[in-house]
Protein backbone atom coordinates (compact mmCIF):
# COMPACT_ATOMS: atom_id res chain seq x y z
CA MET A 1 32.90 -52.12 -22.83
CA SER A 2 36.34 -50.83 -23.69
CA PRO A 3 38.52 -49.18 -20.97
CA ARG A 4 38.29 -45.91 -22.90
CA SER A 5 34.49 -45.97 -23.02
CA TYR A 6 34.32 -46.84 -19.36
CA SER A 7 36.62 -43.98 -18.46
CA LEU A 8 34.62 -41.51 -20.57
CA GLY A 9 31.36 -42.66 -18.98
CA ARG A 10 32.79 -42.36 -15.52
CA ARG A 11 34.05 -38.83 -16.21
CA ARG A 12 30.61 -37.83 -17.48
CA ALA A 13 28.96 -39.24 -14.37
CA LEU A 14 31.38 -37.42 -12.13
CA SER A 15 30.80 -34.15 -14.03
CA HIS A 16 27.07 -34.56 -13.72
CA ALA A 17 27.35 -35.24 -9.98
CA THR A 18 29.57 -32.22 -9.53
CA LYS A 19 27.14 -30.02 -11.47
CA HIS A 20 24.27 -31.23 -9.28
CA ARG A 21 26.29 -30.57 -6.13
CA VAL A 22 27.06 -27.01 -7.25
CA LEU A 23 23.42 -26.32 -8.16
CA THR A 24 22.29 -27.64 -4.79
CA ALA A 25 24.85 -25.46 -3.01
CA GLY A 26 23.68 -22.38 -4.95
CA ARG A 27 20.04 -23.13 -4.09
CA ASP A 28 20.90 -23.55 -0.42
CA LEU A 29 22.78 -20.27 -0.33
CA LEU A 30 19.87 -18.41 -1.90
CA VAL A 31 17.54 -19.84 0.72
CA ALA A 32 19.93 -19.09 3.58
CA GLY A 33 21.13 -15.65 2.70
CA GLY A 34 19.52 -14.30 -0.45
CA GLY A 35 21.43 -12.60 -3.19
CA LYS A 36 23.98 -11.06 -0.87
CA GLY A 37 25.68 -14.37 -0.11
CA PHE A 38 25.33 -15.78 -3.62
CA THR A 39 28.88 -15.58 -4.96
CA VAL A 40 30.99 -18.07 -6.93
CA ASP A 41 33.44 -18.42 -4.04
CA ALA A 42 30.62 -19.09 -1.54
CA VAL A 43 28.93 -21.64 -3.81
CA ALA A 44 32.23 -23.39 -4.50
CA ALA A 45 33.04 -23.59 -0.77
CA ARG A 46 29.57 -24.97 0.07
CA ALA A 47 29.78 -27.51 -2.75
CA GLY A 48 33.28 -28.55 -1.73
CA VAL A 49 34.81 -27.77 -5.12
CA ALA A 50 37.38 -25.36 -6.50
CA ARG A 51 36.03 -22.01 -7.69
CA MET A 52 37.44 -22.81 -11.16
CA THR A 53 35.23 -25.87 -11.23
CA VAL A 54 32.17 -23.60 -10.95
CA TYR A 55 33.50 -21.43 -13.74
CA TYR A 56 34.24 -24.53 -15.84
CA GLN A 57 30.69 -25.85 -15.37
CA PHE A 58 28.76 -22.59 -15.68
CA GLY A 59 31.07 -19.92 -17.09
CA SER A 60 30.12 -17.16 -14.65
CA LYS A 61 27.93 -16.24 -11.71
CA LYS A 62 25.23 -15.28 -14.23
CA GLY A 63 25.55 -18.68 -15.88
CA LEU A 64 25.16 -20.42 -12.52
CA ARG A 65 22.08 -18.34 -11.71
CA ASP A 66 20.50 -19.08 -15.07
CA ALA A 67 21.27 -22.80 -14.66
CA LEU A 68 19.53 -22.76 -11.32
CA PHE A 69 16.39 -21.35 -12.82
CA SER A 70 16.57 -23.66 -15.82
CA ASP A 71 17.05 -26.63 -13.53
CA LEU A 72 13.94 -25.72 -11.56
CA SER A 73 11.95 -25.16 -14.74
CA ALA A 74 13.06 -28.40 -16.39
CA ARG A 75 12.29 -30.51 -13.34
CA ARG A 76 8.94 -29.09 -12.31
CA LEU A 77 7.36 -26.93 -14.97
CA VAL A 78 8.06 -27.65 -18.61
CA GLU A 79 6.59 -31.14 -18.78
CA GLY A 80 3.56 -30.10 -16.77
CA LEU A 81 2.82 -27.14 -19.02
CA ARG A 82 3.26 -29.20 -22.13
CA GLY A 83 0.55 -31.55 -20.95
CA THR A 84 -2.02 -28.81 -20.42
CA VAL A 85 -2.36 -27.96 -24.10
CA THR A 86 -3.49 -31.48 -24.92
CA ARG A 87 -6.73 -31.11 -22.96
CA SER A 88 -9.72 -31.04 -25.29
CA MET A 89 -11.68 -28.61 -23.11
CA PRO A 90 -10.08 -25.16 -22.79
CA PHE A 91 -11.35 -24.70 -19.21
CA ASP A 92 -9.70 -27.97 -18.25
CA ALA A 93 -6.49 -26.82 -19.92
CA LEU A 94 -6.62 -23.47 -18.10
CA GLY A 95 -7.26 -25.06 -14.73
CA GLU A 96 -4.41 -27.56 -15.15
CA PHE A 97 -2.14 -24.83 -16.46
CA ILE A 98 -2.73 -22.65 -13.39
CA GLY A 99 -2.40 -25.64 -11.03
CA THR A 100 0.92 -26.60 -12.63
CA LEU A 101 2.23 -23.04 -12.27
CA VAL A 102 1.19 -22.73 -8.66
CA GLY A 103 2.79 -26.08 -7.89
CA PHE A 104 6.02 -24.83 -9.48
CA TRP A 105 5.93 -21.44 -7.78
CA SER A 106 5.18 -22.90 -4.33
CA ALA A 107 7.72 -25.74 -4.47
CA ASP A 108 10.71 -23.39 -4.53
CA ARG A 109 9.07 -20.08 -3.76
CA LEU A 110 11.93 -18.46 -1.87
CA VAL A 111 14.55 -19.54 -4.39
CA ILE A 112 12.46 -18.31 -7.35
CA ARG A 113 11.75 -15.01 -5.63
CA ARG A 114 15.42 -14.39 -5.03
CA LEU A 115 16.48 -15.51 -8.53
CA ARG A 116 13.98 -13.10 -10.07
CA SER A 117 15.17 -10.34 -7.72
CA LEU A 118 18.75 -10.91 -8.83
CA ALA A 119 17.72 -10.92 -12.46
CA SER A 120 16.02 -7.57 -12.11
CA LEU A 121 19.51 -6.07 -11.55
CA ASP A 122 21.02 -7.71 -14.66
CA PRO A 123 19.64 -6.79 -18.13
CA ALA A 124 20.96 -10.02 -19.68
CA ALA A 125 19.32 -12.16 -17.01
CA GLU A 126 16.14 -10.18 -17.35
CA ARG A 127 16.04 -11.08 -21.04
CA ASN A 128 16.40 -14.73 -20.15
CA LEU A 129 13.46 -14.48 -17.75
CA ARG A 130 11.38 -12.69 -20.39
CA SER A 131 12.14 -15.58 -22.75
CA ALA A 132 10.89 -18.08 -20.17
CA ASP A 133 7.79 -15.97 -19.53
CA GLU A 134 7.04 -15.83 -23.23
CA HIS A 135 6.48 -19.60 -23.21
CA ARG A 136 3.76 -19.01 -20.61
CA ALA A 137 2.29 -16.27 -22.79
CA ASP A 138 2.21 -18.59 -25.80
CA VAL A 139 0.23 -21.23 -23.91
CA LEU A 140 -2.23 -18.60 -22.65
CA ARG A 141 -2.81 -17.22 -26.13
CA LEU A 142 -3.53 -20.75 -27.33
CA ILE A 143 -6.03 -21.35 -24.51
CA VAL A 144 -7.77 -18.04 -25.25
CA ARG A 145 -7.99 -18.91 -28.94
CA ARG A 146 -9.41 -22.37 -28.20
CA THR A 147 -11.92 -20.86 -25.78
CA ALA A 148 -13.08 -18.40 -28.41
CA GLU A 149 -13.45 -21.19 -31.00
CA ARG A 150 -15.52 -23.35 -28.69
CA HIS A 151 -17.61 -20.68 -26.85
CA GLY A 152 -17.50 -17.61 -29.10
CA ARG A 153 -15.84 -15.54 -26.41
CA PRO A 154 -13.74 -13.55 -25.93
CA ALA A 155 -14.32 -11.58 -29.08
CA PRO A 156 -11.39 -11.28 -31.47
CA ALA A 157 -11.08 -7.56 -30.79
CA VAL A 158 -10.28 -8.17 -27.13
CA ALA A 159 -8.63 -11.60 -27.24
CA GLY A 160 -5.13 -10.09 -27.06
CA ASP A 161 -6.00 -8.04 -24.01
CA VAL A 162 -7.59 -11.02 -22.32
CA ALA A 163 -4.42 -13.08 -22.89
CA ARG A 164 -2.32 -10.24 -21.42
CA VAL A 165 -4.52 -10.02 -18.32
CA LEU A 166 -4.25 -13.77 -17.85
CA PHE A 167 -0.50 -13.46 -18.31
CA GLY A 168 -0.33 -11.00 -15.39
CA LEU A 169 -2.68 -13.10 -13.34
CA THR A 170 -0.51 -16.19 -13.69
CA SER A 171 2.83 -14.54 -12.89
CA PHE A 172 5.03 -15.51 -9.99
CA GLU A 173 4.62 -12.01 -8.52
CA THR A 174 0.83 -12.39 -8.43
CA PHE A 175 1.12 -15.82 -6.83
CA ASP A 176 3.62 -14.55 -4.29
CA ALA A 177 1.39 -11.61 -3.33
CA LEU A 178 -1.78 -13.76 -3.05
CA ALA A 179 -0.07 -16.54 -1.10
CA GLY A 180 1.27 -14.10 1.48
CA THR A 181 2.42 -15.87 4.64
CA ALA A 182 -0.61 -18.06 5.30
CA ARG A 183 -2.65 -18.95 2.20
CA ALA A 184 -2.18 -22.55 1.00
CA PRO A 185 -1.09 -23.11 -2.61
CA GLU A 186 -4.34 -25.02 -3.29
CA ASP A 187 -6.36 -21.99 -2.18
CA VAL A 188 -4.25 -19.67 -4.37
CA ALA A 189 -4.85 -21.94 -7.36
CA THR A 190 -8.61 -21.94 -6.73
CA LEU A 191 -8.63 -18.15 -6.46
CA LEU A 192 -6.62 -17.73 -9.66
CA ILE A 193 -8.78 -20.18 -11.58
CA ARG A 194 -11.94 -18.32 -10.55
CA ALA A 195 -10.36 -14.99 -11.52
CA ALA A 196 -9.30 -16.44 -14.90
CA HIS A 197 -12.80 -17.66 -15.64
CA ALA A 198 -14.11 -14.17 -14.81
CA VAL A 199 -11.54 -12.58 -17.16
CA LEU A 200 -12.73 -14.94 -19.94
CA GLY A 201 -16.31 -13.99 -19.21
CA LEU A 202 -17.53 -17.58 -19.09
CA GLU A 203 -18.48 -20.12 -16.45
CA PRO A 204 -16.61 -23.44 -16.55
């Protein structure tokens, strides 16, 4: 390996490590103090970097917040959801889909709650969240279509409404409300799967 290639690789590794440290600091601040303490200066101080390093890596506070959500999604959700659509039985796909979502929501529940709360105050961030939610809607529409093809229900006239109800049923807000302070994630998943089967009008 040439000295130049080694130097470039080392810089990339250092940049990746710095980015990870900043994301970890941002996550910790959200857990500790919510949106009020989530500032570029506070994140930089907690990560032990200059504030300009945060701006260089993420561009803005909004960029940092979006990167936090994307990091969570990439690590825990996207691959899991991709696997659900390969199931041959639509009920299996639906159950695995809901289980994957609940696992994602519960793993970083407080962080996700606060990220979504911050996004509700920022139209641009809200659009980003809607884009992420649309992926969930696409999977649900596919499951509804495959269920109709295999079982003859739901009828085409109501398939869109069924998908929209399932979309609301599988949102973070629904999970957060059902989980409350005491219900285990596994129990929430079971409850949501039963409700989803009822919405589809079929027994698994």
